[in-house]
Amino acid sequence: MKQPRAKLLIADCHEDTLIVLQGVLEDAAYDTTAVWTAREFVDAIHSQVFDLALINEYMPGGPCQELLQLLCEADLRCVLLQTRTPAVTRPATPGAEHVSVSVCKHDYAEIVRLVTELLANREKPASAA
């Protein structure tokens, strides 16, 4: 019996980035839902079940901090997408307990690797930063 594909929510305010990320992650055998505003993100979280979220650190229509809080309430881990390669892999942002890792949003191979690793370990508690 075939195992169901993991479902990912991808949120980024740049359509080109969304299209590429969605294609790369679907090619890696994940089901994806892509949104590009904070309102669409909130609607998706309330209407669907996801295994992991990938969210841009800047989203139009709502502070990222509020969206991260929503992820905590939904008990959904996420990957924080940043424009540049982050200096640290785990953000120290208060309230970002569900952010598993930060990554450059244009490093597609690393994103697929991280998503695969996080989903493989989803039953295990996240290690401390």
C-alpha atoms as a PDB file:
ATOM      1  CA  MET A   1       0.000   0.000   0.000  1.00  0.00           C
ATOM      2  CA  LYS A   2       1.325   3.391  -1.004  1.00  0.00           C
ATOM      3  CA  GLN A   3       1.937   5.884   1.810  1.00  0.00           C
ATOM      4  CA  PRO A   4       0.133   9.241   1.382  1.00  0.00           C
ATOM      5  CA  ARG A   5       2.259  12.167   0.312  1.00  0.00           C
ATOM      6  CA  ALA A   6       3.066  14.779   2.930  1.00  0.00           C
ATOM      7  CA  LYS A   7       1.134  18.034   2.517  1.00  0.00           C
ATOM      8  CA  LEU A   8       3.071  21.298   2.624  1.00  0.00           C
ATOM      9  CA  LEU A   9       1.875  24.894   2.895  1.00  0.00           C
ATOM     10  CA  ILE A  10       4.177  27.327   1.087  1.00  0.00           C
ATOM     11  CA  ALA A  11       3.761  31.051   1.770  1.00  0.00           C
ATOM     12  CA  ASP A  12       5.777  33.661  -0.084  1.00  0.00           C
ATOM     13  CA  CYS A  13       4.898  37.107  -1.408  1.00  0.00           C
ATOM     14  CA  HIS A  14       6.786  36.582  -4.678  1.00  0.00           C
ATOM     15  CA  GLU A  15       4.840  34.605  -7.269  1.00  0.00           C
ATOM     16  CA  ASP A  16       7.981  33.492  -9.126  1.00  0.00           C
ATOM     17  CA  THR A  17       9.447  32.031  -5.934  1.00  0.00           C
ATOM     18  CA  LEU A  18       6.164  30.263  -5.154  1.00  0.00           C
ATOM     19  CA  ILE A  19       5.993  28.701  -8.605  1.00  0.00           C
ATOM     20  CA  VAL A  20       9.564  27.395  -8.402  1.00  0.00           C
ATOM     21  CA  LEU A  21       9.234  26.140  -4.810  1.00  0.00           C
ATOM     22  CA  GLN A  22       5.943  24.435  -5.583  1.00  0.00           C
ATOM     23  CA  GLY A  23       7.438  22.704  -8.630  1.00  0.00           C
ATOM     24  CA  VAL A  24      10.610  21.621  -6.821  1.00  0.00           C
ATOM     25  CA  LEU A  25       8.682  20.222  -3.839  1.00  0.00           C
ATOM     26  CA  GLU A  26       6.082  18.474  -5.999  1.00  0.00           C
ATOM     27  CA  ASP A  27       8.919  16.910  -8.015  1.00  0.00           C
ATOM     28  CA  ALA A  28      10.249  15.657  -4.662  1.00  0.00           C
ATOM     29  CA  ALA A  29       6.891  13.859  -4.105  1.00  0.00           C
ATOM     30  CA  TYR A  30       5.130  16.338  -1.801  1.00  0.00           C
ATOM     31  CA  ASP A  31       1.629  17.763  -2.168  1.00  0.00           C
ATOM     32  CA  THR A  32       1.697  21.542  -1.929  1.00  0.00           C
ATOM     33  CA  THR A  33      -0.635  24.462  -1.381  1.00  0.00           C
ATOM     34  CA  ALA A  34       0.860  27.831  -2.274  1.00  0.00           C
ATOM     35  CA  VAL A  35      -0.335  31.192  -0.906  1.00  0.00           C
ATOM     36  CA  TRP A  36       1.095  34.658  -1.275  1.00  0.00           C
ATOM     37  CA  THR A  37      -0.698  36.776   1.319  1.00  0.00           C
ATOM     38  CA  ALA A  38      -1.145  36.544   5.069  1.00  0.00           C
ATOM     39  CA  ARG A  39      -4.939  36.298   4.617  1.00  0.00           C
ATOM     40  CA  GLU A  40      -4.578  33.278   2.288  1.00  0.00           C
ATOM     41  CA  PHE A  41      -2.168  31.732   4.784  1.00  0.00           C
ATOM     42  CA  VAL A  42      -4.668  32.100   7.646  1.00  0.00           C
ATOM     43  CA  ASP A  43      -7.498  30.725   5.486  1.00  0.00           C
ATOM     44  CA  ALA A  44      -5.394  27.710   4.472  1.00  0.00           C
ATOM     45  CA  ILE A  45      -4.379  26.914   8.073  1.00  0.00           C
ATOM     46  CA  HIS A  46      -8.032  27.025   9.141  1.00  0.00           C
ATOM     47  CA  SER A  47      -9.385  24.962   6.240  1.00  0.00           C
ATOM     48  CA  GLN A  48      -6.756  22.251   5.632  1.00  0.00           C
ATOM     49  CA  VAL A  49      -4.364  19.988   7.494  1.00  0.00           C
ATOM     50  CA  PHE A  50      -0.665  20.294   6.683  1.00  0.00           C
ATOM     51  CA  ASP A  51       2.392  18.309   7.711  1.00  0.00           C
ATOM     52  CA  LEU A  52       4.771  21.269   7.464  1.00  0.00           C
ATOM     53  CA  ALA A  53       4.694  24.952   6.498  1.00  0.00           C
ATOM     54  CA  LEU A  54       7.302  26.974   4.646  1.00  0.00           C
ATOM     55  CA  ILE A  55       6.823  30.703   5.198  1.00  0.00           C
ATOM     56  CA  ASN A  56       8.625  33.802   3.962  1.00  0.00           C
ATOM     57  CA  GLU A  57       9.888  36.014   6.769  1.00  0.00           C
ATOM     58  CA  TYR A  58       7.999  38.943   5.155  1.00  0.00           C
ATOM     59  CA  MET A  59       4.359  38.476   4.203  1.00  0.00           C
ATOM     60  CA  PRO A  60       2.033  41.232   2.992  1.00  0.00           C
ATOM     61  CA  GLY A  61      -1.118  41.744   5.003  1.00  0.00           C
ATOM     62  CA  GLY A  62       0.140  40.574   8.376  1.00  0.00           C
ATOM     63  CA  PRO A  63       3.249  40.487  10.536  1.00  0.00           C
ATOM     64  CA  CYS A  64       5.177  37.223  10.319  1.00  0.00           C
ATOM     65  CA  GLN A  65       5.148  37.075  14.130  1.00  0.00           C
ATOM     66  CA  GLU A  66       1.345  36.711  14.096  1.00  0.00           C
ATOM     67  CA  LEU A  67       1.551  33.992  11.464  1.00  0.00           C
ATOM     68  CA  LEU A  68       4.159  32.132  13.510  1.00  0.00           C
ATOM     69  CA  GLN A  69       1.829  32.346  16.515  1.00  0.00           C
ATOM     70  CA  LEU A  70      -0.924  30.811  14.384  1.00  0.00           C
ATOM     71  CA  LEU A  71       1.449  27.953  13.538  1.00  0.00           C
ATOM     72  CA  CYS A  72       2.041  27.404  17.265  1.00  0.00           C
ATOM     73  CA  GLU A  73      -1.712  27.290  17.869  1.00  0.00           C
ATOM     74  CA  ALA A  74      -2.102  24.789  15.010  1.00  0.00           C
ATOM     75  CA  ASP A  75       0.870  22.777  16.349  1.00  0.00           C
ATOM     76  CA  LEU A  76       2.477  22.957  12.901  1.00  0.00           C
ATOM     77  CA  ARG A  77       6.243  23.125  12.476  1.00  0.00           C
ATOM     78  CA  CYS A  78       7.669  25.375   9.808  1.00  0.00           C
ATOM     79  CA  VAL A  79      10.693  26.341   7.787  1.00  0.00           C
ATOM     80  CA  LEU A  80      11.314  30.095   7.740  1.00  0.00           C
ATOM     81  CA  LEU A  81      12.275  31.225   4.228  1.00  0.00           C
ATOM     82  CA  GLN A  82      14.741  34.099   4.171  1.00  0.00           C
ATOM     83  CA  THR A  83      16.068  36.185   1.301  1.00  0.00           C
ATOM     84  CA  ARG A  84      19.687  35.505   2.227  1.00  0.00           C
ATOM     85  CA  THR A  85      21.405  32.538   3.804  1.00  0.00           C
ATOM     86  CA  PRO A  86      20.733  32.911   7.541  1.00  0.00           C
ATOM     87  CA  ALA A  87      23.661  33.360   9.922  1.00  0.00           C
ATOM     88  CA  VAL A  88      22.086  30.793  12.245  1.00  0.00           C
ATOM     89  CA  THR A  89      19.892  27.883  11.244  1.00  0.00           C
ATOM     90  CA  ARG A  90      17.414  28.266  14.118  1.00  0.00           C
ATOM     91  CA  PRO A  91      15.899  31.706  14.637  1.00  0.00           C
ATOM     92  CA  ALA A  92      15.984  33.216  18.110  1.00  0.00           C
ATOM     93  CA  THR A  93      12.740  35.104  17.481  1.00  0.00           C
ATOM     94  CA  PRO A  94      10.537  35.088  20.587  1.00  0.00           C
ATOM     95  CA  GLY A  95       7.372  33.109  19.953  1.00  0.00           C
ATOM     96  CA  ALA A  96       8.911  31.144  17.089  1.00  0.00           C
ATOM     97  CA  GLU A  97       9.007  27.817  18.906  1.00  0.00           C
ATOM     98  CA  HIS A  98       7.553  25.982  15.926  1.00  0.00           C
ATOM     99  CA  VAL A  99      10.182  27.287  13.517  1.00  0.00           C
ATOM    100  CA  SER A 100      12.387  24.267  13.017  1.00  0.00           C
ATOM    101  CA  VAL A 101      14.964  25.936  10.814  1.00  0.00           C
ATOM    102  CA  SER A 102      15.669  28.982   8.647  1.00  0.00           C
ATOM    103  CA  VAL A 103      16.945  28.662   5.105  1.00  0.00           C
ATOM    104  CA  CYS A 104      17.621  30.832   2.059  1.00  0.00           C
ATOM    105  CA  LYS A 105      14.448  30.664  -0.030  1.00  0.00           C
ATOM    106  CA  HIS A 106      16.470  30.286  -3.235  1.00  0.00           C
ATOM    107  CA  ASP A 107      18.506  27.276  -2.047  1.00  0.00           C
ATOM    108  CA  TYR A 108      16.058  24.730  -3.456  1.00  0.00           C
ATOM    109  CA  ALA A 109      18.214  21.647  -2.897  1.00  0.00           C
ATOM    110  CA  GLU A 110      18.676  22.581   0.768  1.00  0.00           C
ATOM    111  CA  ILE A 111      14.933  23.227   1.163  1.00  0.00           C
ATOM    112  CA  VAL A 112      14.080  19.771  -0.181  1.00  0.00           C
ATOM    113  CA  ARG A 113      16.733  18.216   2.077  1.00  0.00           C
ATOM    114  CA  LEU A 114      15.402  20.039   5.158  1.00  0.00           C
ATOM    115  CA  VAL A 115      11.761  19.228   4.395  1.00  0.00           C
ATOM    116  CA  THR A 116      12.628  15.569   3.911  1.00  0.00           C
ATOM    117  CA  GLU A 117      14.607  15.505   7.164  1.00  0.00           C
ATOM    118  CA  LEU A 118      11.925  17.318   9.182  1.00  0.00           C
ATOM    119  CA  LEU A 119       9.146  15.089   7.898  1.00  0.00           C
ATOM    120  CA  ALA A 120      11.175  11.929   8.528  1.00  0.00           C
ATOM    121  CA  ASN A 121      11.620  13.070  12.125  1.00  0.00           C
ATOM    122  CA  ARG A 122       8.120  14.515  12.645  1.00  0.00           C
ATOM    123  CA  GLU A 123       7.286  12.019  15.375  1.00  0.00           C
ATOM    124  CA  LYS A 124      10.470  12.877  17.236  1.00  0.00           C
ATOM    125  CA  PRO A 125      10.712  16.068  19.339  1.00  0.00           C
ATOM    126  CA  ALA A 126      12.777  18.868  17.801  1.00  0.00           C
ATOM    127  CA  SER A 127      16.248  19.168  19.295  1.00  0.00           C
ATOM    128  CA  ALA A 128      17.130  22.267  21.265  1.00  0.00           C
ATOM    129  CA  ALA A 129      18.842  25.131  19.478  1.00  0.00           C
END
